[in-house]
Amino acid sequence: MTELTKEQQIAFEAAAFRRLVAHLRERSDVQNIDLMNLAGFCRNCLSNWYREAANEAGVGLDKEESREIVYGMPYEEWRALHQKEASQEQKAAFEQNRPKE
């Protein structure tokens, strides 16, 4: 395996993150509940992870700010434009796949 410097690793991870975010913005037809049911994470999870990393680094980022970074617009605006009501099947799958607390 190719040895990467720490700087290369961070740069490549950042590039992959930016590409994932761009892809999710382009695929607004894919609903968060479908992402959760298939992959176990969604846009909101990604924004939460981003916020947690910022907060751990001492940067005060709130929920709405981190969501806007991932969604590319305020979350409520994205919801109004793209989010559809989840079907009963989607809701049932979510309940079945949701991590137990």
C-alpha atoms as a PDB file:
ATOM      1  CA  MET A   1       0.000   0.000   0.000  1.00  0.00           C
ATOM      2  CA  THR A   2       1.206   3.507  -0.793  1.00  0.00           C
ATOM      3  CA  GLU A   3       2.448   5.384   2.232  1.00  0.00           C
ATOM      4  CA  LEU A   4       0.695   8.726   2.616  1.00  0.00           C
ATOM      5  CA  THR A   5       1.825  11.634   4.684  1.00  0.00           C
ATOM      6  CA  LYS A   6      -0.625  12.887   7.283  1.00  0.00           C
ATOM      7  CA  GLU A   7      -1.183  15.998   5.137  1.00  0.00           C
ATOM      8  CA  GLN A   8      -1.977  13.867   2.060  1.00  0.00           C
ATOM      9  CA  GLN A   9      -4.381  11.728   4.053  1.00  0.00           C
ATOM     10  CA  ILE A  10      -6.224  14.797   5.355  1.00  0.00           C
ATOM     11  CA  ALA A  11      -6.320  16.377   1.886  1.00  0.00           C
ATOM     12  CA  PHE A  12      -7.676  13.217   0.262  1.00  0.00           C
ATOM     13  CA  GLU A  13     -10.258  12.699   3.009  1.00  0.00           C
ATOM     14  CA  ALA A  14     -11.374  16.316   2.624  1.00  0.00           C
ATOM     15  CA  ALA A  15     -11.654  15.886  -1.160  1.00  0.00           C
ATOM     16  CA  ALA A  16     -13.721  12.720  -0.712  1.00  0.00           C
ATOM     17  CA  PHE A  17     -15.986  14.529   1.778  1.00  0.00           C
ATOM     18  CA  ARG A  18     -16.496  17.435  -0.639  1.00  0.00           C
ATOM     19  CA  ARG A  19     -17.329  15.008  -3.431  1.00  0.00           C
ATOM     20  CA  LEU A  20     -19.818  13.135  -1.227  1.00  0.00           C
ATOM     21  CA  VAL A  21     -21.518  16.394  -0.217  1.00  0.00           C
ATOM     22  CA  ALA A  22     -21.672  17.548  -3.859  1.00  0.00           C
ATOM     23  CA  HIS A  23     -23.130  14.192  -4.880  1.00  0.00           C
ATOM     24  CA  LEU A  24     -25.793  14.341  -2.161  1.00  0.00           C
ATOM     25  CA  ARG A  25     -26.700  17.888  -3.196  1.00  0.00           C
ATOM     26  CA  GLU A  26     -27.086  16.754  -6.818  1.00  0.00           C
ATOM     27  CA  ARG A  27     -29.180  13.748  -5.801  1.00  0.00           C
ATOM     28  CA  SER A  28     -31.921  15.612  -3.962  1.00  0.00           C
ATOM     29  CA  ASP A  29     -34.296  12.956  -5.304  1.00  0.00           C
ATOM     30  CA  VAL A  30     -32.774  10.498  -2.815  1.00  0.00           C
ATOM     31  CA  GLN A  31     -34.618  10.941   0.449  1.00  0.00           C
ATOM     32  CA  ASN A  32     -32.853  10.856   3.817  1.00  0.00           C
ATOM     33  CA  ILE A  33     -35.034   7.986   5.008  1.00  0.00           C
ATOM     34  CA  ASP A  34     -33.875   5.913   2.023  1.00  0.00           C
ATOM     35  CA  LEU A  35     -30.244   6.693   2.872  1.00  0.00           C
ATOM     36  CA  MET A  36     -30.888   5.679   6.494  1.00  0.00           C
ATOM     37  CA  ASN A  37     -32.627   2.465   5.476  1.00  0.00           C
ATOM     38  CA  LEU A  38     -29.925   1.456   3.008  1.00  0.00           C
ATOM     39  CA  ALA A  39     -26.711   2.881   4.434  1.00  0.00           C
ATOM     40  CA  GLY A  40     -27.428   3.655   8.082  1.00  0.00           C
ATOM     41  CA  PHE A  41     -26.655   7.368   7.721  1.00  0.00           C
ATOM     42  CA  CYS A  42     -28.151  10.395   5.979  1.00  0.00           C
ATOM     43  CA  ARG A  43     -27.422  14.043   5.274  1.00  0.00           C
ATOM     44  CA  ASN A  44     -28.387  14.955   8.844  1.00  0.00           C
ATOM     45  CA  CYS A  45     -25.936  12.401  10.242  1.00  0.00           C
ATOM     46  CA  LEU A  46     -23.193  13.832   8.043  1.00  0.00           C
ATOM     47  CA  SER A  47     -23.968  17.350   9.242  1.00  0.00           C
ATOM     48  CA  ASN A  48     -23.943  16.144  12.864  1.00  0.00           C
ATOM     49  CA  TRP A  49     -20.521  14.544  12.387  1.00  0.00           C
ATOM     50  CA  TYR A  50     -19.238  17.757  10.824  1.00  0.00           C
ATOM     51  CA  ARG A  51     -20.578  19.823  13.737  1.00  0.00           C
ATOM     52  CA  GLU A  52     -19.115  17.431  16.311  1.00  0.00           C
ATOM     53  CA  ALA A  53     -15.685  17.629  14.650  1.00  0.00           C
ATOM     54  CA  ALA A  54     -15.860  21.433  14.586  1.00  0.00           C
ATOM     55  CA  ASN A  55     -16.947  21.598  18.221  1.00  0.00           C
ATOM     56  CA  GLU A  56     -14.166  19.185  19.278  1.00  0.00           C
ATOM     57  CA  ALA A  57     -11.704  21.532  17.565  1.00  0.00           C
ATOM     58  CA  GLY A  58     -13.108  24.461  19.524  1.00  0.00           C
ATOM     59  CA  VAL A  59     -15.148  25.926  16.669  1.00  0.00           C
ATOM     60  CA  GLY A  60     -18.681  26.719  17.769  1.00  0.00           C
ATOM     61  CA  LEU A  61     -20.914  25.483  14.973  1.00  0.00           C
ATOM     62  CA  ASP A  62     -24.609  24.929  15.613  1.00  0.00           C
ATOM     63  CA  LYS A  63     -26.983  22.394  14.086  1.00  0.00           C
ATOM     64  CA  GLU A  64     -28.452  24.743  11.482  1.00  0.00           C
ATOM     65  CA  GLU A  65     -25.023  25.973  10.379  1.00  0.00           C
ATOM     66  CA  SER A  66     -23.687  22.460   9.878  1.00  0.00           C
ATOM     67  CA  ARG A  67     -26.831  21.419   8.024  1.00  0.00           C
ATOM     68  CA  GLU A  68     -26.470  24.380   5.669  1.00  0.00           C
ATOM     69  CA  ILE A  69     -22.895  23.268   4.913  1.00  0.00           C
ATOM     70  CA  VAL A  70     -24.119  19.795   3.921  1.00  0.00           C
ATOM     71  CA  TYR A  71     -27.393  20.772   2.220  1.00  0.00           C
ATOM     72  CA  GLY A  72     -26.012  23.862   0.475  1.00  0.00           C
ATOM     73  CA  MET A  73     -28.951  25.925   1.727  1.00  0.00           C
ATOM     74  CA  PRO A  74     -30.937  26.321   4.930  1.00  0.00           C
ATOM     75  CA  TYR A  75     -32.387  22.967   5.963  1.00  0.00           C
ATOM     76  CA  GLU A  76     -35.995  24.166   6.013  1.00  0.00           C
ATOM     77  CA  GLU A  77     -35.603  25.471   2.457  1.00  0.00           C
ATOM     78  CA  TRP A  78     -34.202  22.100   1.321  1.00  0.00           C
ATOM     79  CA  ARG A  79     -37.061  20.282   3.029  1.00  0.00           C
ATOM     80  CA  ALA A  80     -39.656  22.478   1.328  1.00  0.00           C
ATOM     81  CA  LEU A  81     -38.050  21.944  -2.071  1.00  0.00           C
ATOM     82  CA  HIS A  82     -37.093  18.270  -1.922  1.00  0.00           C
ATOM     83  CA  GLN A  83     -38.419  16.262   1.005  1.00  0.00           C
ATOM     84  CA  LYS A  84     -41.417  14.042   0.411  1.00  0.00           C
ATOM     85  CA  GLU A  85     -43.628  12.384   2.992  1.00  0.00           C
ATOM     86  CA  ALA A  86     -42.200   8.978   3.851  1.00  0.00           C
ATOM     87  CA  SER A  87     -44.310   5.998   2.855  1.00  0.00           C
ATOM     88  CA  GLN A  88     -45.523   3.484   5.399  1.00  0.00           C
ATOM     89  CA  GLU A  89     -43.015   0.993   3.957  1.00  0.00           C
ATOM     90  CA  GLN A  90     -40.136   3.466   4.399  1.00  0.00           C
ATOM     91  CA  LYS A  91     -41.211   4.206   7.970  1.00  0.00           C
ATOM     92  CA  ALA A  92     -41.516   0.506   8.797  1.00  0.00           C
ATOM     93  CA  ALA A  93     -38.068  -0.214   7.360  1.00  0.00           C
ATOM     94  CA  PHE A  94     -36.627   2.698   9.345  1.00  0.00           C
ATOM     95  CA  GLU A  95     -38.114   1.359  12.579  1.00  0.00           C
ATOM     96  CA  GLN A  96     -36.790  -2.123  11.844  1.00  0.00           C
ATOM     97  CA  ASN A  97     -33.276  -0.921  10.934  1.00  0.00           C
ATOM     98  CA  ARG A  98     -32.918   1.826  13.522  1.00  0.00           C
ATOM     99  CA  PRO A  99     -30.161   1.181  16.063  1.00  0.00           C
ATOM    100  CA  LYS A 100     -31.581   0.064  19.370  1.00  0.00           C
ATOM    101  CA  GLU A 101     -30.723   2.339  22.269  1.00  0.00           C
END
